[in-house]
Amino acid sequence: MTQTSKASVIVTWDRAGIEALTDTCGPAAASWLSAHGFAVGPIEVVASEWSDLSAALTRAVANGQHLVTICGGVGLGVKDISPQVVEKMSDYAIPGLGELWRRESLKYSLSSYLSRSGGWVKDGTLLLAIPGSAKAAVEYLGIVGDVLPLALKGLRFSHDHHSETVEGHA
């Protein structure tokens, strides 16, 4: 990446206050992102509640993050709400990311067919919803590692071009 991309990690937990002390997924995802050239801000741990996750996503996008990684909440449980929240808040989905994760993560686990992980865009920010275990989060980031620079470059070009076009017609 020629320009340093800003990234944030949001961890969603069923019992955020209790389990935040033992979270290993957030640090693992942040470490992977940092090792791959991202400037990573503080990890935010929130409860698996619609209002908590949507508020954290709104803050991250408003703070100019290029990439927001949401760890957890992509399974089949009642509290696994990350895809629904991100889908509702986003401008559009990137279906290919979920398809890539499901295909490539089969070598790690048959449960990849049940994953609801995916990618979305909100105001030029790439949003990734990935599993909440440290091992799976790093595997999922590794799977899309080569695609992330292309996606971020495309989003920057699109956002910059749109801004120039809008300003030119104002």
Protein backbone atom coordinates (compact mmCIF):
# COMPACT_ATOMS: atom_id res chain seq x y z
CA MET A 1 0.00 0.00 0.00
CA THR A 2 1.47 3.34 -0.98
CA GLN A 3 -0.57 5.32 1.51
CA THR A 4 -0.98 4.04 5.06
CA SER A 5 -4.50 2.83 5.58
CA LYS A 6 -6.20 3.41 8.89
CA ALA A 7 -7.93 0.41 10.41
CA SER A 8 -9.94 -0.28 13.50
CA VAL A 9 -11.01 -3.50 15.18
CA ILE A 10 -14.37 -3.90 16.89
CA VAL A 11 -14.98 -7.05 18.91
CA THR A 12 -18.56 -7.96 19.64
CA TRP A 13 -19.18 -10.27 22.60
CA ASP A 14 -22.27 -11.79 24.11
CA ARG A 15 -20.97 -10.75 27.52
CA ALA A 16 -18.73 -7.79 26.60
CA GLY A 17 -18.06 -6.54 30.13
CA ILE A 18 -16.99 -9.92 31.47
CA GLU A 19 -15.16 -11.41 28.52
CA ALA A 20 -13.40 -8.24 27.33
CA LEU A 21 -10.66 -9.06 29.80
CA THR A 22 -9.96 -12.37 28.04
CA ASP A 23 -10.42 -11.29 24.42
CA THR A 24 -7.67 -12.64 22.20
CA CYS A 25 -9.40 -12.08 18.86
CA GLY A 26 -9.08 -8.29 18.88
CA PRO A 27 -5.34 -8.29 19.55
CA ALA A 28 -4.79 -11.07 16.98
CA ALA A 29 -6.68 -9.17 14.27
CA ALA A 30 -4.96 -5.88 15.17
CA SER A 31 -1.56 -7.58 15.07
CA TRP A 32 -2.25 -9.06 11.62
CA LEU A 33 -3.43 -5.69 10.30
CA SER A 34 -0.42 -3.88 11.76
CA ALA A 35 1.99 -6.45 10.31
CA HIS A 36 0.41 -5.85 6.90
CA GLY A 37 0.91 -2.08 6.90
CA PHE A 38 -2.25 -0.78 8.54
CA ALA A 39 -2.21 1.92 11.22
CA VAL A 40 -4.48 0.29 13.81
CA GLY A 41 -6.26 2.28 16.49
CA PRO A 42 -7.45 1.01 19.86
CA ILE A 43 -9.55 -2.15 19.88
CA GLU A 44 -13.15 -1.53 20.90
CA VAL A 45 -15.09 -4.32 22.64
CA VAL A 46 -18.88 -3.96 22.57
CA ALA A 47 -21.84 -6.04 23.63
CA SER A 48 -23.66 -8.09 20.99
CA GLU A 49 -26.46 -5.55 20.95
CA TRP A 50 -27.69 -3.68 17.91
CA SER A 51 -27.26 -0.24 19.48
CA ASP A 52 -23.74 -0.93 20.79
CA LEU A 53 -22.40 -2.34 17.54
CA SER A 54 -24.05 0.29 15.34
CA ALA A 55 -22.67 3.07 17.56
CA ALA A 56 -19.15 1.61 17.34
CA LEU A 57 -19.41 1.31 13.55
CA THR A 58 -20.70 4.86 13.24
CA ARG A 59 -17.75 6.16 15.31
CA ALA A 60 -15.20 4.22 13.27
CA VAL A 61 -16.56 5.44 9.92
CA ALA A 62 -16.86 9.02 11.19
CA ASN A 63 -13.24 8.87 12.39
CA GLY A 64 -12.08 8.28 8.83
CA GLN A 65 -11.10 4.63 9.08
CA HIS A 66 -10.40 3.00 5.73
CA LEU A 67 -11.05 -0.49 7.09
CA VAL A 68 -13.18 -1.63 10.02
CA THR A 69 -12.87 -5.26 11.07
CA ILE A 70 -15.74 -6.57 13.19
CA CYS A 71 -14.72 -9.73 15.02
CA GLY A 72 -17.51 -12.00 16.22
CA GLY A 73 -21.22 -12.33 15.79
CA VAL A 74 -21.15 -14.13 12.42
CA GLY A 75 -22.40 -17.53 13.57
CA LEU A 76 -25.91 -18.90 13.87
CA GLY A 77 -26.68 -17.92 17.48
CA VAL A 78 -29.38 -15.51 18.56
CA LYS A 79 -26.75 -12.93 19.61
CA ASP A 80 -24.79 -13.30 16.35
CA ILE A 81 -26.02 -10.05 14.83
CA SER A 82 -22.95 -8.55 13.14
CA PRO A 83 -24.01 -9.25 9.54
CA GLN A 84 -27.51 -7.85 10.11
CA VAL A 85 -26.20 -4.66 11.72
CA VAL A 86 -23.52 -4.09 9.10
CA GLU A 87 -25.90 -4.85 6.22
CA LYS A 88 -28.48 -2.39 7.56
CA MET A 89 -25.91 0.38 8.04
CA SER A 90 -23.93 -0.12 4.83
CA ASP A 91 -24.27 1.45 1.41
CA TYR A 92 -23.72 -1.89 -0.33
CA ALA A 93 -22.36 -5.40 0.11
CA ILE A 94 -19.32 -7.03 -1.49
CA PRO A 95 -20.58 -10.62 -1.90
CA GLY A 96 -17.30 -11.91 -3.31
CA LEU A 97 -15.55 -11.58 0.05
CA GLY A 98 -17.98 -13.88 1.83
CA GLU A 99 -17.83 -16.31 -1.08
CA LEU A 100 -14.01 -16.29 -0.97
CA TRP A 101 -13.96 -16.87 2.80
CA ARG A 102 -16.39 -19.76 2.64
CA ARG A 103 -14.49 -21.42 -0.21
CA GLU A 104 -10.99 -20.97 1.18
CA SER A 105 -11.75 -21.63 4.85
CA LEU A 106 -13.01 -25.13 4.04
CA LYS A 107 -9.43 -26.31 4.50
CA TYR A 108 -9.69 -25.20 8.14
CA SER A 109 -13.24 -26.21 9.04
CA LEU A 110 -16.37 -27.71 7.51
CA SER A 111 -18.35 -25.10 9.47
CA SER A 112 -17.21 -22.49 6.96
CA TYR A 113 -20.41 -23.29 5.05
CA LEU A 114 -22.33 -21.88 8.02
CA SER A 115 -20.34 -18.64 8.21
CA ARG A 116 -22.18 -15.39 7.64
CA SER A 117 -18.95 -13.42 7.33
CA GLY A 118 -18.90 -10.78 4.66
CA GLY A 119 -17.77 -7.44 3.36
CA TRP A 120 -19.66 -4.18 3.00
CA VAL A 121 -18.97 -0.51 2.28
CA LYS A 122 -20.18 2.53 4.21
CA ASP A 123 -19.18 6.03 3.09
CA GLY A 124 -16.02 4.71 1.41
CA THR A 125 -15.00 2.58 4.42
CA LEU A 126 -14.55 -1.16 3.95
CA LEU A 127 -16.36 -3.14 6.67
CA LEU A 128 -15.41 -6.77 7.28
CA ALA A 129 -17.42 -9.04 9.59
CA ILE A 130 -15.31 -12.07 10.53
CA PRO A 131 -15.34 -14.82 13.18
CA GLY A 132 -14.62 -14.00 16.80
CA SER A 133 -11.93 -16.56 17.53
CA ALA A 134 -8.33 -15.37 17.24
CA LYS A 135 -7.34 -18.31 15.03
CA ALA A 136 -10.26 -17.88 12.62
CA ALA A 137 -9.89 -14.08 12.48
CA VAL A 138 -6.25 -14.36 11.41
CA GLU A 139 -7.12 -17.08 8.89
CA TYR A 140 -9.92 -14.97 7.42
CA LEU A 141 -7.73 -11.86 7.18
CA GLY A 142 -5.03 -13.96 5.52
CA ILE A 143 -7.51 -15.23 2.96
CA VAL A 144 -8.40 -11.69 1.82
CA GLY A 145 -4.95 -10.23 2.42
CA ASP A 146 -4.11 -9.90 -1.28
CA VAL A 147 -7.52 -8.42 -2.08
CA LEU A 148 -7.55 -5.72 0.63
CA PRO A 149 -5.14 -3.31 -1.13
CA LEU A 150 -7.18 -3.60 -4.34
CA ALA A 151 -10.44 -2.96 -2.51
CA LEU A 152 -9.07 0.00 -0.57
CA LYS A 153 -7.50 1.51 -3.69
CA GLY A 154 -10.81 1.14 -5.53
CA LEU A 155 -12.73 2.73 -2.68
CA ARG A 156 -10.29 5.66 -2.45
CA PHE A 157 -10.44 6.26 -6.21
CA SER A 158 -14.21 6.04 -6.24
CA HIS A 159 -14.56 8.33 -3.22
CA ASP A 160 -12.02 10.86 -4.56
CA HIS A 161 -13.53 10.80 -8.05
CA HIS A 162 -17.05 11.21 -6.67
CA SER A 163 -15.93 14.13 -4.48
CA GLU A 164 -14.28 15.85 -7.45
CA THR A 165 -17.35 15.32 -9.63
CA VAL A 166 -19.72 16.63 -6.98
CA GLU A 167 -17.51 19.65 -6.28
CA GLY A 168 -17.22 20.33 -10.02
CA HIS A 169 -21.01 20.56 -10.33
CA ALA A 170 -21.71 22.48 -7.15
